[in-house]
């Protein structure tokens, strides 16, 4: 296991007017699985390649267990990268592809054969050592590339969009395999993705990036419950946004006046801000009693999704979304006037238009 620390990492490409990555600082504990998440072009892969030693930073430090590795070449750094398009050698067998790193290190053939078989069993492809890459499916090629990376026992494993070239079924299988292997080997792992769901399902923590700048580094649950900014919340989606004006632990909004837990407002200044709350955190129904943080709304639409129903509800000039479990009693139909409860401990504020 390796503790990775990035200190004010910056990369400005020759001729560029702006930095691809700017003052990026991150502390990745031993054995953690971390996602670099963000839209295309935000600097995720550039940062990954700087960790790997494939791109030299303009400034900043990278340390592995306290050792500055900037001057250590990629092949000696101990950070191994699995590329999006796998980069298997087409003229080599699967076994030779997987064992290539050990061969370059001068390991004897018998040991290489043994290690290759161990790695192929680890990625659940024990019987394909003699095949060529062009005889494999995309999912199999991805597993072979992963086995090739792991055979050298890297200090850090780096994955560039590991699931992007796979169909939905193979993505599910590969996701489970990556997590299983990472937990088994306890290797510090960083992967790049633009897919929020993928990041949430795989990662212990997520580093969200916009325009080369780290926005938030937190657990998936924190991103859902306590996003740092309006932009971060909108990127993850599935959130109601309501214009708000805060005053102490009270707030005026376009749907009513509410009270809230003071701890949920530390992220945003007094006055003009944005109230956020997730659809599943809002209680709705004819049986919701009147009281604090309860307003009246009219159901505009309902969509039944099996285990739950999704509602669009008009409250004055504002429309919110709520999700209600299908197991709950009481029927709610389009056109119904219902009570809508915003729990005080679920309201979360973000600064308006914050980047």
Foldseek 3Di string as FASTA:
>chain_A
DKKKWWAQFWADDPPDPDTLAGGDTDTFDFLFEEEAAEDPSQNRVVVLCQQLQNDQTPDTFMDINRHTCNPPHNLPSLEFEQEPQRPFDQVAFLLCRLLVNVVVVVDDPVVSNVLSQVLCVLLPNNPRRGHGPVVDDPLVSLSSSVSSRPSVPGQEYEYEQSQPPDDPVSSVVVLVSVQVVSVVSSHHYYYYDHDLVSRLSRGQWYFYGGNNYTQDIGHNVCLQQPNLAPVSVVSNDQKDKWWWAADQQWIQTPQGIAGADNVQEPSEDGTTWIKIFGQAQKDKAQPDDDDGQKGKWFWADWDDDDQWIKTWTDRPPDIDIHIGGPPDDDDDHHGDIMMMHDDRHRIHIHGPPDD
